[in-house]
Each structure stands twice: as structure tokens, then as C-alpha cells.
Amino acid sequence: MISFTIRTDKLRTMAFLLATVLLGGGLTACASSEEFKPSGQERRFEMRGRVVSVDKRNREATIAHEEIAGFMEPMTMPFTVKDAWVLDTVSAGDTVQAMLVVDLGRSWLENAVITKGAAAGGDDASKEARGNEPRAGDEPPDIKLVNQDGKRISLRGYRDRALLVTFIYTRCPLPDYCPLMSSKFADINKELDKSERLRDRTHLLSVTLDPAYDSPKVLRSYGAAYTEKFDKENFAHWDFATGEAADIKQLAQFFGLEYFPEKDQIVHSLRTALVAPDGRLFKIYRGNDWKPLNVVRDLEVVLKDSPTAHNNPQRHREQ
């Protein structure tokens, strides 16, 4: 197969043509530039790698990249892509050279140079990377987990509460992945603190994708830093959990999250789920662009017609 290089300056006209084309998930090629406006404190790194899959819906490309000098060892992971035309041009098997911008809790690729190569799955690979998601009303598997205090918990133990679940791991290097998920959960936790009615009928659960490293002790330290209560945190409203690797994978895959280890890191997509008090799925939040206040409103909706919860703060912890 003949390879050729497409350079950014030769594709500027394509951006205009693509401006009216809807991308998956409601994004358009003319997305607001404010989303990628540098703060003035950003760091920039040259990156080069091979595209594994493309997820237009979440504006991501998963790339097996070479060492990023001064920042990261070679690994495979998803990156947010600034220029929408790149997502319509690039496909699995292509080589990408780009600038990785890391900026105050965000990161993205810009100024891409694409070298076309043999396709390795194309759209099918993108669909596979998004995973198979459940439907509203489906019941998650009753996985047994261990929380930050070393106590056994299970999803069934949160019945009568609206449960918000996300997946993280403590060594995650990109600020707009696990650290952002945990920051958003911290914002939701603070917002629920303002309403005793909501707080008593809700619970937050962060499940690690790295059980080999994220012990209860590690998760306790990590979680207490996000609540900013440190040694005073009692985790009555937000659990950080680990468990058997196979069980965690089953739970993650139920919610449509795919992940795999890459050296000492984990390549993963992002999924957050709201489970109703009856133990059935209410809603999936894909990617990282959902807003904490919108989730709080969803919590109010799902609780509106639900029976009053049994207000036992220890009910979800198994004896």
C-alpha cells in the first residue's frame, strides 16, 4: 500500500466543508474554540504514534504512541483531538504526529500531521472501542467489592439509594481522565451536602481499574484528598472500591467501559452511570464533558417517584 502525508496547511479548506457535518454525540466540526483555549500555563509536548481506533462521538483517538520526551513513556491511550477534521480523516493504522497540550486539568492534540497507512479495523474498531452499553432498566451485576476501609460492599447493598458509579485509577497520568472524573464527583458530593434530603438518598462509588496497585489504603488516601477532609473523612457518602480483577472487568464492561493494561498504565474509556434506587440503570454518561449540576438534577429526577429510602448510612456495608 502507498503511504502519503496530509499536512495541516493543505487541509484548512476541509474544515469549512466539514463544518456542517454532525459528528457522533452531537459535536460539530465547528466546535467552540473556547474549549481548547490555552490558559497561559499550558505545557506542550511533541507526540508521534499509530492510531488504534477513532471515537468521533467522544472526539477521541486511541493512539499507540512513542515516548513523549519529558512527560510519558510509550503506551497506548485515548487522546482528545482539537481539530474535528482530523477525526474525519484519520483511521486505524495511520501514523499521527501532533502537539500534546496539557493545561490545568485538560489535555488535547493539535496541529496534527497524518500519514495514511493500512487500515486496521476502521469504523468497526471505533465501535468496538466504545463497547456495548446496557439499556436503561438493565440491572448491573451484583459485584462484590472492598472499600477504602477494607470492608466488603456490593452494588445490591446500595438499594433504596440513587447510586452514581464511575471508574478511575490513582496513577492515571492525564488530567482530563481519572483526575477530572474524581474532581466532578467531588463537586457533586459538595452539592449534595447542601441538601439533607438528597444526601440521605444518594451515594457515590468510584471503582478502580487497577486493583493490583490501588489497595484500600491507597484508595483511602486518594479519596480523602478529593474530599479535602483528609484524616477527618469518614467516607459515609462516597466509597472508593477495589476487588477481584475479573469482577471489576465484568462490572466495567456492563457499563460499556473498555480498558487494558499498558506497562504501568491503563488505557481506558470513560463511563459514569446512574443506578436508580430499585437497582436498575437509569442513565449512562459518556466521556468527560458532562456537568456535575446536570447530574445532580438527574439524581433529583430519579428520586422523585422513588419510595423513601431507608436512612441507614451503614446499610450498604456488608457485615
C-alpha atoms as a PDB file:
ATOM      1  CA  MET A   1       0.000   0.000   0.000  1.00  0.00           C
ATOM      2  CA  ILE A   2       1.180   3.527  -0.801  1.00  0.00           C
ATOM      3  CA  SER A   3       1.506   5.824   2.174  1.00  0.00           C
ATOM      4  CA  PHE A   4       1.149   9.561   1.870  1.00  0.00           C
ATOM      5  CA  THR A   5       1.229  12.514   4.242  1.00  0.00           C
ATOM      6  CA  ILE A   6      -1.577  15.006   4.773  1.00  0.00           C
ATOM      7  CA  ARG A   7      -0.374  18.246   6.354  1.00  0.00           C
ATOM      8  CA  THR A   8      -2.481  20.673   8.290  1.00  0.00           C
ATOM      9  CA  ASP A   9      -1.938  23.659   5.991  1.00  0.00           C
ATOM     10  CA  LYS A  10      -3.259  21.696   2.993  1.00  0.00           C
ATOM     11  CA  LEU A  11      -6.437  20.701   4.786  1.00  0.00           C
ATOM     12  CA  ARG A  12      -7.676  24.057   6.061  1.00  0.00           C
ATOM     13  CA  THR A  13     -10.357  24.124   3.362  1.00  0.00           C
ATOM     14  CA  MET A  14     -11.596  20.728   4.552  1.00  0.00           C
ATOM     15  CA  ALA A  15     -12.514  22.228   7.919  1.00  0.00           C
ATOM     16  CA  PHE A  16     -15.051  24.508   6.223  1.00  0.00           C
ATOM     17  CA  LEU A  17     -16.561  21.627   4.251  1.00  0.00           C
ATOM     18  CA  LEU A  18     -16.841  19.552   7.403  1.00  0.00           C
ATOM     19  CA  ALA A  19     -18.357  22.367   9.461  1.00  0.00           C
ATOM     20  CA  THR A  20     -21.926  21.251   8.714  1.00  0.00           C
ATOM     21  CA  VAL A  21     -21.317  17.542   9.224  1.00  0.00           C
ATOM     22  CA  LEU A  22     -22.529  16.221  12.570  1.00  0.00           C
ATOM     23  CA  LEU A  23     -20.123  14.047  14.476  1.00  0.00           C
ATOM     24  CA  GLY A  24     -21.316  11.325  16.818  1.00  0.00           C
ATOM     25  CA  GLY A  25     -22.769  12.601  20.085  1.00  0.00           C
ATOM     26  CA  GLY A  26     -23.905  15.938  18.692  1.00  0.00           C
ATOM     27  CA  LEU A  27     -20.487  17.546  18.175  1.00  0.00           C
ATOM     28  CA  THR A  28     -19.832  19.544  15.035  1.00  0.00           C
ATOM     29  CA  ALA A  29     -16.672  20.357  13.153  1.00  0.00           C
ATOM     30  CA  CYS A  30     -17.057  23.973  14.201  1.00  0.00           C
ATOM     31  CA  ALA A  31     -16.936  23.275  17.942  1.00  0.00           C
ATOM     32  CA  SER A  32     -16.249  26.286  20.116  1.00  0.00           C
ATOM     33  CA  SER A  33     -12.606  27.290  20.222  1.00  0.00           C
ATOM     34  CA  GLU A  34     -13.095  28.267  23.896  1.00  0.00           C
ATOM     35  CA  GLU A  35     -12.960  24.568  24.774  1.00  0.00           C
ATOM     36  CA  PHE A  36      -9.323  24.476  23.672  1.00  0.00           C
ATOM     37  CA  LYS A  37      -8.254  27.996  24.632  1.00  0.00           C
ATOM     38  CA  PRO A  38      -4.872  27.805  26.449  1.00  0.00           C
ATOM     39  CA  SER A  39      -4.679  29.301  29.929  1.00  0.00           C
ATOM     40  CA  GLY A  40      -1.139  30.590  29.512  1.00  0.00           C
ATOM     41  CA  GLN A  41       0.188  27.890  31.863  1.00  0.00           C
ATOM     42  CA  GLU A  42      -0.054  25.007  29.407  1.00  0.00           C
ATOM     43  CA  ARG A  43       2.772  22.587  28.630  1.00  0.00           C
ATOM     44  CA  ARG A  44       3.371  21.291  25.110  1.00  0.00           C
ATOM     45  CA  PHE A  45       4.939  18.025  24.029  1.00  0.00           C
ATOM     46  CA  GLU A  46       5.665  16.565  20.602  1.00  0.00           C
ATOM     47  CA  MET A  47       3.865  13.254  20.133  1.00  0.00           C
ATOM     48  CA  ARG A  48       4.067  10.579  17.434  1.00  0.00           C
ATOM     49  CA  GLY A  49       2.194   7.301  17.226  1.00  0.00           C
ATOM     50  CA  ARG A  50      -0.037   4.866  15.357  1.00  0.00           C
ATOM     51  CA  VAL A  51      -3.819   5.192  15.503  1.00  0.00           C
ATOM     52  CA  VAL A  52      -5.571   2.193  17.038  1.00  0.00           C
ATOM     53  CA  SER A  53      -9.167   3.424  16.854  1.00  0.00           C
ATOM     54  CA  VAL A  54     -11.251   6.575  16.436  1.00  0.00           C
ATOM     55  CA  ASP A  55     -14.254   7.558  18.547  1.00  0.00           C
ATOM     56  CA  LYS A  56     -15.944  10.551  16.897  1.00  0.00           C
ATOM     57  CA  ARG A  57     -18.739  10.609  19.439  1.00  0.00           C
ATOM     58  CA  ASN A  58     -16.341  11.463  22.240  1.00  0.00           C
ATOM     59  CA  ARG A  59     -13.895  13.353  19.996  1.00  0.00           C
ATOM     60  CA  GLU A  60     -11.120  10.874  20.782  1.00  0.00           C
ATOM     61  CA  ALA A  61      -8.424   8.889  19.022  1.00  0.00           C
ATOM     62  CA  THR A  62      -6.719   5.989  20.752  1.00  0.00           C
ATOM     63  CA  ILE A  63      -3.044   6.087  19.778  1.00  0.00           C
ATOM     64  CA  ALA A  64      -0.113   3.760  20.438  1.00  0.00           C
ATOM     65  CA  HIS A  65       2.471   6.496  20.881  1.00  0.00           C
ATOM     66  CA  GLU A  66       6.215   6.606  21.172  1.00  0.00           C
ATOM     67  CA  GLU A  67       7.936   8.098  24.216  1.00  0.00           C
ATOM     68  CA  ILE A  68       6.791  11.663  24.837  1.00  0.00           C
ATOM     69  CA  ALA A  69      10.025  13.280  25.940  1.00  0.00           C
ATOM     70  CA  GLY A  70       9.793  14.780  29.404  1.00  0.00           C
ATOM     71  CA  PHE A  71       6.260  13.542  30.014  1.00  0.00           C
ATOM     72  CA  MET A  72       5.336   9.913  29.326  1.00  0.00           C
ATOM     73  CA  GLU A  73       6.755   6.543  28.341  1.00  0.00           C
ATOM     74  CA  PRO A  74       5.449   4.749  25.225  1.00  0.00           C
ATOM     75  CA  MET A  75       1.937   3.374  25.709  1.00  0.00           C
ATOM     76  CA  THR A  76      -1.497   3.147  24.112  1.00  0.00           C
ATOM     77  CA  MET A  77      -4.186   5.531  25.314  1.00  0.00           C
ATOM     78  CA  PRO A  78      -7.056   7.763  24.146  1.00  0.00           C
ATOM     79  CA  PHE A  79      -6.466  11.451  23.377  1.00  0.00           C
ATOM     80  CA  THR A  80      -8.941  14.286  22.893  1.00  0.00           C
ATOM     81  CA  VAL A  81      -8.489  15.814  19.420  1.00  0.00           C
ATOM     82  CA  LYS A  82      -8.879  19.560  18.947  1.00  0.00           C
ATOM     83  CA  ASP A  83      -9.418  19.706  15.176  1.00  0.00           C
ATOM     84  CA  ALA A  84     -12.595  17.921  14.114  1.00  0.00           C
ATOM     85  CA  TRP A  85     -11.364  17.357  10.552  1.00  0.00           C
ATOM     86  CA  VAL A  86      -8.687  15.053  11.972  1.00  0.00           C
ATOM     87  CA  LEU A  87     -11.357  12.668  13.252  1.00  0.00           C
ATOM     88  CA  ASP A  88     -12.942  12.535   9.798  1.00  0.00           C
ATOM     89  CA  THR A  89      -9.603  11.990   8.068  1.00  0.00           C
ATOM     90  CA  VAL A  90      -7.666   9.657  10.308  1.00  0.00           C
ATOM     91  CA  SER A  91      -8.340   5.922  10.631  1.00  0.00           C
ATOM     92  CA  ALA A  92      -6.863   2.890  12.361  1.00  0.00           C
ATOM     93  CA  GLY A  93      -3.369   2.152  11.052  1.00  0.00           C
ATOM     94  CA  ASP A  94      -2.481   5.772  10.257  1.00  0.00           C
ATOM     95  CA  THR A  95       0.522   7.491  11.829  1.00  0.00           C
ATOM     96  CA  VAL A  96      -0.038  10.811  13.604  1.00  0.00           C
ATOM     97  CA  GLN A  97       2.422  13.494  14.643  1.00  0.00           C
ATOM     98  CA  ALA A  98       0.848  16.170  16.806  1.00  0.00           C
ATOM     99  CA  MET A  99       1.328  18.585  19.679  1.00  0.00           C
ATOM    100  CA  LEU A 100       0.027  17.318  23.026  1.00  0.00           C
ATOM    101  CA  VAL A 101      -1.180  20.248  25.126  1.00  0.00           C
ATOM    102  CA  VAL A 102      -1.559  19.671  28.896  1.00  0.00           C
ATOM    103  CA  ASP A 103      -3.291  22.593  30.544  1.00  0.00           C
ATOM    104  CA  LEU A 104      -4.841  22.875  34.043  1.00  0.00           C
ATOM    105  CA  GLY A 105      -6.849  19.674  34.133  1.00  0.00           C
ATOM    106  CA  ARG A 106      -7.268  19.375  30.379  1.00  0.00           C
ATOM    107  CA  SER A 107      -5.260  17.866  27.538  1.00  0.00           C
ATOM    108  CA  TRP A 108      -5.698  17.654  23.795  1.00  0.00           C
ATOM    109  CA  LEU A 109      -3.893  17.101  20.490  1.00  0.00           C
ATOM    110  CA  GLU A 110      -3.489  19.888  17.960  1.00  0.00           C
ATOM    111  CA  ASN A 111      -1.517  20.688  14.780  1.00  0.00           C
ATOM    112  CA  ALA A 112      -1.781  17.127  13.543  1.00  0.00           C
ATOM    113  CA  VAL A 113       0.198  15.654  10.659  1.00  0.00           C
ATOM    114  CA  ILE A 114      -1.347  12.405   9.393  1.00  0.00           C
ATOM    115  CA  THR A 115       0.463   9.739   7.390  1.00  0.00           C
ATOM    116  CA  LYS A 116      -2.050   7.364   5.858  1.00  0.00           C
ATOM    117  CA  GLY A 117      -1.372   3.653   6.256  1.00  0.00           C
ATOM    118  CA  ALA A 118      -3.094   0.308   6.196  1.00  0.00           C
ATOM    119  CA  ALA A 119      -6.474   0.338   7.923  1.00  0.00           C
ATOM    120  CA  ALA A 120      -6.800  -1.904  10.940  1.00  0.00           C
ATOM    121  CA  GLY A 121     -10.491  -2.147  11.592  1.00  0.00           C
ATOM    122  CA  GLY A 122     -11.701   1.339  10.663  1.00  0.00           C
ATOM    123  CA  ASP A 123     -15.181   2.101  11.925  1.00  0.00           C
ATOM    124  CA  ASP A 124     -15.552  -1.398  13.364  1.00  0.00           C
ATOM    125  CA  ALA A 125     -12.563  -0.753  15.607  1.00  0.00           C
ATOM    126  CA  SER A 126     -14.103   2.545  16.712  1.00  0.00           C
ATOM    127  CA  LYS A 127     -17.376   0.833  17.597  1.00  0.00           C
ATOM    128  CA  GLU A 128     -15.544  -1.895  19.469  1.00  0.00           C
ATOM    129  CA  ALA A 129     -13.590   0.720  21.441  1.00  0.00           C
ATOM    130  CA  ARG A 130     -16.885   2.292  22.565  1.00  0.00           C
ATOM    131  CA  GLY A 131     -18.044  -1.037  23.903  1.00  0.00           C
ATOM    132  CA  ASN A 132     -21.535  -2.478  24.213  1.00  0.00           C
ATOM    133  CA  GLU A 133     -23.653  -0.417  26.552  1.00  0.00           C
ATOM    134  CA  PRO A 134     -26.668  -1.552  28.567  1.00  0.00           C
ATOM    135  CA  ARG A 135     -30.120  -0.074  28.214  1.00  0.00           C
ATOM    136  CA  ALA A 136     -31.994   1.929  30.815  1.00  0.00           C
ATOM    137  CA  GLY A 137     -33.717  -0.553  33.114  1.00  0.00           C
ATOM    138  CA  ASP A 138     -30.991  -3.181  32.908  1.00  0.00           C
ATOM    139  CA  GLU A 139     -29.676  -4.413  36.247  1.00  0.00           C
ATOM    140  CA  PRO A 140     -25.908  -4.306  36.863  1.00  0.00           C
ATOM    141  CA  PRO A 141     -24.217  -7.478  38.138  1.00  0.00           C
ATOM    142  CA  ASP A 142     -24.039  -7.660  41.928  1.00  0.00           C
ATOM    143  CA  ILE A 143     -20.252  -7.477  42.111  1.00  0.00           C
ATOM    144  CA  LYS A 144     -18.554  -7.895  45.480  1.00  0.00           C
ATOM    145  CA  LEU A 145     -16.014  -5.160  46.183  1.00  0.00           C
ATOM    146  CA  VAL A 146     -13.800  -3.939  49.035  1.00  0.00           C
ATOM    147  CA  ASN A 147     -13.872  -0.271  50.008  1.00  0.00           C
ATOM    148  CA  GLN A 148     -11.184   2.092  51.263  1.00  0.00           C
ATOM    149  CA  ASP A 149     -11.719   0.823  54.827  1.00  0.00           C
ATOM    150  CA  GLY A 150     -11.189  -2.812  53.851  1.00  0.00           C
ATOM    151  CA  LYS A 151     -14.906  -3.575  54.287  1.00  0.00           C
ATOM    152  CA  ARG A 152     -16.838  -5.677  51.813  1.00  0.00           C
ATOM    153  CA  ILE A 153     -19.537  -3.898  49.826  1.00  0.00           C
ATOM    154  CA  SER A 154     -21.764  -4.822  46.909  1.00  0.00           C
ATOM    155  CA  LEU A 155     -23.948  -2.966  44.431  1.00  0.00           C
ATOM    156  CA  ARG A 156     -27.059  -4.628  45.817  1.00  0.00           C
ATOM    157  CA  GLY A 157     -26.236  -3.116  49.199  1.00  0.00           C
ATOM    158  CA  TYR A 158     -26.988   0.368  47.809  1.00  0.00           C
ATOM    159  CA  ARG A 159     -30.652  -0.412  47.084  1.00  0.00           C
ATOM    160  CA  ASP A 160     -33.070   2.354  48.145  1.00  0.00           C
ATOM    161  CA  ARG A 161     -30.469   4.953  47.157  1.00  0.00           C
ATOM    162  CA  ALA A 162     -29.608   6.507  43.827  1.00  0.00           C
ATOM    163  CA  LEU A 163     -26.069   5.281  43.140  1.00  0.00           C
ATOM    164  CA  LEU A 164     -23.617   7.174  40.953  1.00  0.00           C
ATOM    165  CA  VAL A 165     -20.753   4.966  39.737  1.00  0.00           C
ATOM    166  CA  THR A 166     -17.562   5.897  37.908  1.00  0.00           C
ATOM    167  CA  PHE A 167     -14.241   4.191  37.166  1.00  0.00           C
ATOM    168  CA  ILE A 168     -10.786   5.582  37.934  1.00  0.00           C
ATOM    169  CA  TYR A 169      -7.302   4.547  38.918  1.00  0.00           C
ATOM    170  CA  THR A 170      -4.973   6.540  41.124  1.00  0.00           C
ATOM    171  CA  ARG A 171      -1.935   6.580  38.811  1.00  0.00           C
ATOM    172  CA  CYS A 172      -3.852   7.910  35.790  1.00  0.00           C
ATOM    173  CA  PRO A 173      -1.487  10.435  34.096  1.00  0.00           C
ATOM    174  CA  LEU A 174      -3.868  12.588  32.034  1.00  0.00           C
ATOM    175  CA  PRO A 175      -5.688  15.343  33.953  1.00  0.00           C
ATOM    176  CA  ASP A 176      -8.875  15.139  31.885  1.00  0.00           C
ATOM    177  CA  TYR A 177      -9.446  11.451  32.589  1.00  0.00           C
ATOM    178  CA  CYS A 178      -9.463   9.972  36.115  1.00  0.00           C
ATOM    179  CA  PRO A 179      -8.489  13.192  37.940  1.00  0.00           C
ATOM    180  CA  LEU A 180     -11.320  15.022  36.177  1.00  0.00           C
ATOM    181  CA  MET A 181     -13.835  12.281  36.999  1.00  0.00           C
ATOM    182  CA  SER A 182     -12.825  12.433  40.664  1.00  0.00           C
ATOM    183  CA  SER A 183     -12.997  16.239  40.675  1.00  0.00           C
ATOM    184  CA  LYS A 184     -16.502  16.130  39.212  1.00  0.00           C
ATOM    185  CA  PHE A 185     -17.575  13.603  41.813  1.00  0.00           C
ATOM    186  CA  ALA A 186     -16.120  15.887  44.486  1.00  0.00           C
ATOM    187  CA  ASP A 187     -18.256  18.747  43.112  1.00  0.00           C
ATOM    188  CA  ILE A 188     -21.352  16.532  43.162  1.00  0.00           C
ATOM    189  CA  ASN A 189     -20.527  15.426  46.713  1.00  0.00           C
ATOM    190  CA  LYS A 190     -20.317  19.055  47.865  1.00  0.00           C
ATOM    191  CA  GLU A 191     -23.566  19.925  46.117  1.00  0.00           C
ATOM    192  CA  LEU A 192     -25.403  17.013  47.736  1.00  0.00           C
ATOM    193  CA  ASP A 193     -24.082  18.153  51.127  1.00  0.00           C
ATOM    194  CA  LYS A 194     -26.342  21.188  50.745  1.00  0.00           C
ATOM    195  CA  SER A 195     -29.487  19.044  50.823  1.00  0.00           C
ATOM    196  CA  GLU A 196     -30.008  16.513  53.608  1.00  0.00           C
ATOM    197  CA  ARG A 197     -32.922  15.070  51.650  1.00  0.00           C
ATOM    198  CA  LEU A 198     -30.735  14.326  48.623  1.00  0.00           C
ATOM    199  CA  ARG A 199     -27.677  13.273  50.579  1.00  0.00           C
ATOM    200  CA  ASP A 200     -29.589  10.662  52.585  1.00  0.00           C
ATOM    201  CA  ARG A 201     -30.950   9.074  49.402  1.00  0.00           C
ATOM    202  CA  THR A 202     -27.810   9.074  47.247  1.00  0.00           C
ATOM    203  CA  HIS A 203     -24.360   7.526  47.246  1.00  0.00           C
ATOM    204  CA  LEU A 204     -21.190   7.875  45.161  1.00  0.00           C
ATOM    205  CA  LEU A 205     -18.920   4.986  44.194  1.00  0.00           C
ATOM    206  CA  SER A 206     -15.537   5.191  42.448  1.00  0.00           C
ATOM    207  CA  VAL A 207     -14.197   1.798  41.339  1.00  0.00           C
ATOM    208  CA  THR A 208     -10.518   1.361  40.496  1.00  0.00           C
ATOM    209  CA  LEU A 209      -9.428  -0.230  37.229  1.00  0.00           C
ATOM    210  CA  ASP A 210      -6.050  -1.036  38.804  1.00  0.00           C
ATOM    211  CA  PRO A 211      -6.731  -3.415  41.712  1.00  0.00           C
ATOM    212  CA  ALA A 212      -3.141  -4.692  41.688  1.00  0.00           C
ATOM    213  CA  TYR A 213      -1.881  -1.266  42.803  1.00  0.00           C
ATOM    214  CA  ASP A 214      -4.916   0.513  44.272  1.00  0.00           C
ATOM    215  CA  SER A 215      -5.199  -1.137  47.678  1.00  0.00           C
ATOM    216  CA  PRO A 216      -7.780   0.086  50.213  1.00  0.00           C
ATOM    217  CA  LYS A 217      -5.014   2.145  51.860  1.00  0.00           C
ATOM    218  CA  VAL A 218      -4.088   3.812  48.548  1.00  0.00           C
ATOM    219  CA  LEU A 219      -7.741   4.491  47.755  1.00  0.00           C
ATOM    220  CA  ARG A 220      -8.366   5.964  51.212  1.00  0.00           C
ATOM    221  CA  SER A 221      -5.533   8.463  50.766  1.00  0.00           C
ATOM    222  CA  TYR A 222      -6.638   9.270  47.206  1.00  0.00           C
ATOM    223  CA  GLY A 223     -10.283   9.727  48.144  1.00  0.00           C
ATOM    224  CA  ALA A 224      -9.622  11.846  51.227  1.00  0.00           C
ATOM    225  CA  ALA A 225      -7.553  14.220  49.107  1.00  0.00           C
ATOM    226  CA  TYR A 226     -10.501  14.766  46.738  1.00  0.00           C
ATOM    227  CA  THR A 227     -12.990  15.400  49.536  1.00  0.00           C
ATOM    228  CA  GLU A 228     -10.369  17.685  51.125  1.00  0.00           C
ATOM    229  CA  LYS A 229     -11.194  16.282  54.560  1.00  0.00           C
ATOM    230  CA  PHE A 230      -8.057  14.149  54.684  1.00  0.00           C
ATOM    231  CA  ASP A 231      -7.787  12.263  58.015  1.00  0.00           C
ATOM    232  CA  LYS A 232     -11.243  13.537  59.045  1.00  0.00           C
ATOM    233  CA  GLU A 233     -13.027  11.906  56.086  1.00  0.00           C
ATOM    234  CA  ASN A 234     -15.355   9.045  57.119  1.00  0.00           C
ATOM    235  CA  PHE A 235     -16.483   8.096  53.571  1.00  0.00           C
ATOM    236  CA  ALA A 236     -20.126   7.865  54.654  1.00  0.00           C
ATOM    237  CA  HIS A 237     -21.355   9.184  51.283  1.00  0.00           C
ATOM    238  CA  TRP A 238     -18.594   8.290  48.807  1.00  0.00           C
ATOM    239  CA  ASP A 239     -16.820   4.946  48.618  1.00  0.00           C
ATOM    240  CA  PHE A 240     -13.629   4.138  46.715  1.00  0.00           C
ATOM    241  CA  ALA A 241     -13.532   0.450  45.903  1.00  0.00           C
ATOM    242  CA  THR A 242     -11.263  -2.293  44.648  1.00  0.00           C
ATOM    243  CA  GLY A 243     -11.861  -6.012  44.205  1.00  0.00           C
ATOM    244  CA  GLU A 244     -11.011  -9.031  42.115  1.00  0.00           C
ATOM    245  CA  ALA A 245      -9.739  -8.030  38.658  1.00  0.00           C
ATOM    246  CA  ALA A 246     -12.240 -10.291  36.870  1.00  0.00           C
ATOM    247  CA  ASP A 247     -15.174  -8.877  38.861  1.00  0.00           C
ATOM    248  CA  ILE A 248     -14.169  -5.286  38.176  1.00  0.00           C
ATOM    249  CA  LYS A 249     -13.816  -6.031  34.472  1.00  0.00           C
ATOM    250  CA  GLN A 250     -17.286  -7.587  34.404  1.00  0.00           C
ATOM    251  CA  LEU A 251     -18.780  -4.505  36.051  1.00  0.00           C
ATOM    252  CA  ALA A 252     -16.899  -2.062  33.809  1.00  0.00           C
ATOM    253  CA  GLN A 253     -17.879  -3.921  30.646  1.00  0.00           C
ATOM    254  CA  PHE A 254     -21.522  -3.976  31.729  1.00  0.00           C
ATOM    255  CA  PHE A 255     -21.470  -0.168  31.653  1.00  0.00           C
ATOM    256  CA  GLY A 256     -19.701  -0.140  28.253  1.00  0.00           C
ATOM    257  CA  LEU A 257     -16.229   0.757  29.531  1.00  0.00           C
ATOM    258  CA  GLU A 258     -13.295  -0.966  27.821  1.00  0.00           C
ATOM    259  CA  TYR A 259      -9.762  -0.992  29.221  1.00  0.00           C
ATOM    260  CA  PHE A 260      -6.483  -2.852  29.082  1.00  0.00           C
ATOM    261  CA  PRO A 261      -3.079  -2.565  30.787  1.00  0.00           C
ATOM    262  CA  GLU A 262      -0.151  -0.908  29.010  1.00  0.00           C
ATOM    263  CA  LYS A 263       3.077  -1.189  31.035  1.00  0.00           C
ATOM    264  CA  ASP A 264       2.355   0.528  34.360  1.00  0.00           C
ATOM    265  CA  GLN A 265      -0.628   2.453  32.962  1.00  0.00           C
ATOM    266  CA  ILE A 266      -4.155   1.502  31.908  1.00  0.00           C
ATOM    267  CA  VAL A 267      -5.750   2.526  28.633  1.00  0.00           C
ATOM    268  CA  HIS A 268      -9.455   3.085  29.176  1.00  0.00           C
ATOM    269  CA  SER A 269     -12.549   4.864  28.008  1.00  0.00           C
ATOM    270  CA  LEU A 270     -14.768   6.876  30.365  1.00  0.00           C
ATOM    271  CA  ARG A 271     -18.172   5.854  31.671  1.00  0.00           C
ATOM    272  CA  THR A 272     -20.204   7.139  34.589  1.00  0.00           C
ATOM    273  CA  ALA A 273     -23.548   5.554  35.443  1.00  0.00           C
ATOM    274  CA  LEU A 274     -26.588   6.476  37.492  1.00  0.00           C
ATOM    275  CA  VAL A 275     -28.345   3.474  39.057  1.00  0.00           C
ATOM    276  CA  ALA A 276     -31.866   4.047  40.396  1.00  0.00           C
ATOM    277  CA  PRO A 277     -32.909   3.067  43.944  1.00  0.00           C
ATOM    278  CA  ASP A 278     -34.528  -0.099  42.534  1.00  0.00           C
ATOM    279  CA  GLY A 279     -31.082  -1.265  41.410  1.00  0.00           C
ATOM    280  CA  ARG A 280     -31.658  -0.692  37.684  1.00  0.00           C
ATOM    281  CA  LEU A 281     -29.704   1.521  35.310  1.00  0.00           C
ATOM    282  CA  PHE A 282     -31.167   4.992  34.816  1.00  0.00           C
ATOM    283  CA  LYS A 283     -28.552   6.729  32.661  1.00  0.00           C
ATOM    284  CA  ILE A 284     -25.019   6.461  31.220  1.00  0.00           C
ATOM    285  CA  TYR A 285     -22.724   9.498  30.977  1.00  0.00           C
ATOM    286  CA  ARG A 286     -20.087   9.021  28.287  1.00  0.00           C
ATOM    287  CA  GLY A 287     -16.746  10.774  28.135  1.00  0.00           C
ATOM    288  CA  ASN A 288     -15.802  13.723  30.324  1.00  0.00           C
ATOM    289  CA  ASP A 289     -17.940  16.636  29.130  1.00  0.00           C
ATOM    290  CA  TRP A 290     -20.937  16.077  31.429  1.00  0.00           C
ATOM    291  CA  LYS A 291     -21.660  18.714  34.071  1.00  0.00           C
ATOM    292  CA  PRO A 292     -21.925  17.930  37.800  1.00  0.00           C
ATOM    293  CA  LEU A 293     -25.009  20.139  38.260  1.00  0.00           C
ATOM    294  CA  ASN A 294     -26.785  18.295  35.431  1.00  0.00           C
ATOM    295  CA  VAL A 295     -26.079  15.011  37.210  1.00  0.00           C
ATOM    296  CA  VAL A 296     -27.482  16.427  40.459  1.00  0.00           C
ATOM    297  CA  ARG A 297     -30.652  17.330  38.554  1.00  0.00           C
ATOM    298  CA  ASP A 298     -30.805  13.771  37.205  1.00  0.00           C
ATOM    299  CA  LEU A 299     -30.492  12.492  40.770  1.00  0.00           C
ATOM    300  CA  GLU A 300     -33.482  14.611  41.732  1.00  0.00           C
ATOM    301  CA  VAL A 301     -35.466  13.213  38.798  1.00  0.00           C
ATOM    302  CA  VAL A 302     -34.703   9.577  39.546  1.00  0.00           C
ATOM    303  CA  LEU A 303     -35.597  10.062  43.229  1.00  0.00           C
ATOM    304  CA  LYS A 304     -38.803  11.984  42.549  1.00  0.00           C
ATOM    305  CA  ASP A 305     -41.024   8.946  42.083  1.00  0.00           C
ATOM    306  CA  SER A 306     -38.979   6.526  44.174  1.00  0.00           C
ATOM    307  CA  PRO A 307     -40.137   5.352  47.595  1.00  0.00           C
ATOM    308  CA  THR A 308     -38.480   6.968  50.590  1.00  0.00           C
ATOM    309  CA  ALA A 309     -35.086   5.415  51.240  1.00  0.00           C
ATOM    310  CA  HIS A 310     -34.291   3.559  54.424  1.00  0.00           C
ATOM    311  CA  ASN A 311     -31.986   6.049  56.066  1.00  0.00           C
ATOM    312  CA  ASN A 312     -29.345   3.681  57.398  1.00  0.00           C
ATOM    313  CA  PRO A 313     -25.895   5.057  56.498  1.00  0.00           C
ATOM    314  CA  GLN A 314     -24.250   1.683  57.176  1.00  0.00           C
ATOM    315  CA  ARG A 315     -26.747  -0.410  55.204  1.00  0.00           C
ATOM    316  CA  HIS A 316     -24.523  -0.719  52.125  1.00  0.00           C
ATOM    317  CA  ARG A 317     -21.612  -2.175  54.108  1.00  0.00           C
ATOM    318  CA  GLU A 318     -21.771  -5.922  54.474  1.00  0.00           C
ATOM    319  CA  GLN A 319     -21.315  -7.484  57.874  1.00  0.00           C
END
